Amino acid sequence: MYQMAEEELRTLPPGIDGNHTGTLTICFRQCSVPDVVAHIKFWGDVGCDVYPNKSINFALVGERSAIATYLRDASPLHIKILSKDKDSANVFIPDLSLPAQSLDYK
């Protein structure tokens, strides 16, 4: 499993420089299974781990239309829930699209 260092900047689309236009936060609230981690890997990224009761922030960078296209193309987001004893579950977020009104904002 890859763990991203706390100081590394996470951006969407991955590795893009540009104006920060928003933030996407993914929260892993709780889990009934002990010793688990959620492995999140966006299209074009190396992935990162999020532990229960923690969250991860991704800076949305670039033109809003390009971000919307990236999120649409990256759907569904596949999140692997991994336990200490190597059992896993899969969660899919089917629609990562931006609300239409956010595309009109300059």
C-alpha atoms as a PDB file:
ATOM      1  CA  MET A   1       0.000   0.000   0.000  1.00  0.00           C
ATOM      2  CA  TYR A   2       1.216   3.488  -0.778  1.00  0.00           C
ATOM      3  CA  GLN A   3       0.973   6.120   1.934  1.00  0.00           C
ATOM      4  CA  MET A   4       1.260   9.693   0.780  1.00  0.00           C
ATOM      5  CA  ALA A   5       3.361  11.924   3.020  1.00  0.00           C
ATOM      6  CA  GLU A   6       1.390  14.542   4.901  1.00  0.00           C
ATOM      7  CA  GLU A   7       3.274  17.420   3.273  1.00  0.00           C
ATOM      8  CA  GLU A   8       2.664  16.279  -0.307  1.00  0.00           C
ATOM      9  CA  LEU A   9       0.113  18.403  -2.122  1.00  0.00           C
ATOM     10  CA  ARG A  10      -2.736  16.376  -3.553  1.00  0.00           C
ATOM     11  CA  THR A  11      -4.315  17.905  -6.640  1.00  0.00           C
ATOM     12  CA  LEU A  12      -7.070  16.965  -9.036  1.00  0.00           C
ATOM     13  CA  PRO A  13      -6.389  16.459 -11.817  1.00  0.00           C
ATOM     14  CA  PRO A  14      -3.199  14.833 -10.427  1.00  0.00           C
ATOM     15  CA  GLY A  15       0.065  16.661 -11.018  1.00  0.00           C
ATOM     16  CA  ILE A  16      -1.528  19.747 -12.569  1.00  0.00           C
ATOM     17  CA  ASP A  17      -0.342  23.250 -11.699  1.00  0.00           C
ATOM     18  CA  GLY A  18      -2.878  26.023 -11.861  1.00  0.00           C
ATOM     19  CA  ASN A  19      -5.295  28.177  -9.948  1.00  0.00           C
ATOM     20  CA  HIS A  20      -6.875  26.564  -6.912  1.00  0.00           C
ATOM     21  CA  THR A  21     -10.586  26.661  -7.712  1.00  0.00           C
ATOM     22  CA  GLY A  22     -11.975  24.461  -4.950  1.00  0.00           C
ATOM     23  CA  THR A  23     -11.417  21.493  -2.668  1.00  0.00           C
ATOM     24  CA  LEU A  24     -12.714  17.938  -2.757  1.00  0.00           C
ATOM     25  CA  THR A  25     -12.761  16.290   0.683  1.00  0.00           C
ATOM     26  CA  ILE A  26     -13.237  12.570   1.200  1.00  0.00           C
ATOM     27  CA  CYS A  27     -14.066  11.499   4.763  1.00  0.00           C
ATOM     28  CA  PHE A  28     -13.766   7.979   6.124  1.00  0.00           C
ATOM     29  CA  ARG A  29     -16.099   8.341   9.101  1.00  0.00           C
ATOM     30  CA  GLN A  30     -16.118   4.933  10.753  1.00  0.00           C
ATOM     31  CA  CYS A  31     -15.950   1.228  10.147  1.00  0.00           C
ATOM     32  CA  SER A  32     -17.231  -1.716  12.174  1.00  0.00           C
ATOM     33  CA  VAL A  33     -14.146  -3.763  11.229  1.00  0.00           C
ATOM     34  CA  PRO A  34     -11.012  -2.977  13.279  1.00  0.00           C
ATOM     35  CA  ASP A  35      -7.664  -2.091  11.726  1.00  0.00           C
ATOM     36  CA  VAL A  36      -8.829  -0.978   8.293  1.00  0.00           C
ATOM     37  CA  VAL A  37      -7.699   1.612   5.786  1.00  0.00           C
ATOM     38  CA  ALA A  38      -9.407   3.067   2.727  1.00  0.00           C
ATOM     39  CA  HIS A  39      -7.100   3.141  -0.291  1.00  0.00           C
ATOM     40  CA  ILE A  40      -8.157   5.898  -2.673  1.00  0.00           C
ATOM     41  CA  LYS A  41      -6.687   6.076  -6.149  1.00  0.00           C
ATOM     42  CA  PHE A  42      -7.852   8.639  -8.659  1.00  0.00           C
ATOM     43  CA  TRP A  43      -7.250   8.127 -12.363  1.00  0.00           C
ATOM     44  CA  GLY A  44      -3.644   9.126 -13.127  1.00  0.00           C
ATOM     45  CA  ASP A  45      -2.570   9.229  -9.446  1.00  0.00           C
ATOM     46  CA  VAL A  46      -0.476   6.910  -7.263  1.00  0.00           C
ATOM     47  CA  GLY A  47      -3.142   6.674  -4.546  1.00  0.00           C
ATOM     48  CA  CYS A  48      -3.229   7.334  -0.826  1.00  0.00           C
ATOM     49  CA  ASP A  49      -4.597   5.797   2.364  1.00  0.00           C
ATOM     50  CA  VAL A  50      -7.240   7.257   4.670  1.00  0.00           C
ATOM     51  CA  TYR A  51      -7.887   5.868   8.131  1.00  0.00           C
ATOM     52  CA  PRO A  52     -11.231   5.768   9.981  1.00  0.00           C
ATOM     53  CA  ASN A  53     -12.316   9.108  11.439  1.00  0.00           C
ATOM     54  CA  LYS A  54      -9.898  10.941   9.124  1.00  0.00           C
ATOM     55  CA  SER A  55     -10.285  12.808   5.863  1.00  0.00           C
ATOM     56  CA  ILE A  56      -8.198  13.727   2.859  1.00  0.00           C
ATOM     57  CA  ASN A  57      -8.350  16.952   0.836  1.00  0.00           C
ATOM     58  CA  PHE A  58      -7.643  17.340  -2.848  1.00  0.00           C
ATOM     59  CA  ALA A  59      -7.080  20.801  -4.313  1.00  0.00           C
ATOM     60  CA  LEU A  60      -9.098  21.241  -7.509  1.00  0.00           C
ATOM     61  CA  VAL A  61      -6.842  23.117  -9.924  1.00  0.00           C
ATOM     62  CA  GLY A  62      -7.228  24.538 -13.384  1.00  0.00           C
ATOM     63  CA  GLU A  63     -10.229  25.612 -15.415  1.00  0.00           C
ATOM     64  CA  ARG A  64     -13.580  24.495 -14.025  1.00  0.00           C
ATOM     65  CA  SER A  65     -14.554  22.872 -17.324  1.00  0.00           C
ATOM     66  CA  ALA A  66     -11.300  20.830 -17.323  1.00  0.00           C
ATOM     67  CA  ILE A  67     -11.914  19.751 -13.704  1.00  0.00           C
ATOM     68  CA  ALA A  68     -15.472  18.726 -14.580  1.00  0.00           C
ATOM     69  CA  THR A  69     -14.211  16.701 -17.553  1.00  0.00           C
ATOM     70  CA  TYR A  70     -11.540  15.012 -15.419  1.00  0.00           C
ATOM     71  CA  LEU A  71     -14.034  14.080 -12.675  1.00  0.00           C
ATOM     72  CA  ARG A  72     -16.504  12.733 -15.226  1.00  0.00           C
ATOM     73  CA  ASP A  73     -13.766  10.692 -16.940  1.00  0.00           C
ATOM     74  CA  ALA A  74     -12.421   9.445 -13.579  1.00  0.00           C
ATOM     75  CA  SER A  75     -15.828   8.089 -12.528  1.00  0.00           C
ATOM     76  CA  PRO A  76     -16.491   5.751 -10.903  1.00  0.00           C
ATOM     77  CA  LEU A  77     -13.959   6.313  -8.128  1.00  0.00           C
ATOM     78  CA  HIS A  78     -12.868   2.923  -6.780  1.00  0.00           C
ATOM     79  CA  ILE A  79     -12.032   2.851  -3.065  1.00  0.00           C
ATOM     80  CA  LYS A  80     -10.582  -0.324  -1.579  1.00  0.00           C
ATOM     81  CA  ILE A  81     -11.264  -0.980   2.096  1.00  0.00           C
ATOM     82  CA  LEU A  82      -8.344  -3.080   3.325  1.00  0.00           C
ATOM     83  CA  SER A  83      -8.110  -4.820   6.677  1.00  0.00           C
ATOM     84  CA  LYS A  84      -5.074  -5.910   8.633  1.00  0.00           C
ATOM     85  CA  ASP A  85      -5.751  -9.563   7.796  1.00  0.00           C
ATOM     86  CA  LYS A  86      -5.824  -8.804   4.035  1.00  0.00           C
ATOM     87  CA  ASP A  87      -9.571  -9.086   3.538  1.00  0.00           C
ATOM     88  CA  SER A  88     -10.933  -6.296   1.412  1.00  0.00           C
ATOM     89  CA  ALA A  89     -14.130  -4.672   0.264  1.00  0.00           C
ATOM     90  CA  ASN A  90     -14.767  -2.368  -2.668  1.00  0.00           C
ATOM     91  CA  VAL A  91     -16.697   0.878  -2.730  1.00  0.00           C
ATOM     92  CA  PHE A  92     -17.509   2.718  -5.945  1.00  0.00           C
ATOM     93  CA  ILE A  93     -18.569   6.367  -6.125  1.00  0.00           C
ATOM     94  CA  PRO A  94     -20.372   6.409  -9.467  1.00  0.00           C
ATOM     95  CA  ASP A  95     -20.623  10.138 -10.198  1.00  0.00           C
ATOM     96  CA  LEU A  96     -17.850  12.596  -9.392  1.00  0.00           C
ATOM     97  CA  SER A  97     -19.360  15.409 -11.431  1.00  0.00           C
ATOM     98  CA  LEU A  98     -19.447  19.032 -10.312  1.00  0.00           C
ATOM     99  CA  PRO A  99     -22.809  20.725  -9.778  1.00  0.00           C
ATOM    100  CA  ALA A 100     -23.807  22.648 -12.929  1.00  0.00           C
ATOM    101  CA  GLN A 101     -23.909  26.015 -11.136  1.00  0.00           C
ATOM    102  CA  SER A 102     -20.231  25.641 -10.103  1.00  0.00           C
ATOM    103  CA  LEU A 103     -19.232  25.667 -13.783  1.00  0.00           C
ATOM    104  CA  ASP A 104     -20.806  29.103 -14.278  1.00  0.00           C
ATOM    105  CA  TYR A 105     -18.831  30.733 -11.465  1.00  0.00           C
ATOM    106  CA  LYS A 106     -15.750  32.676 -12.528  1.00  0.00           C
END
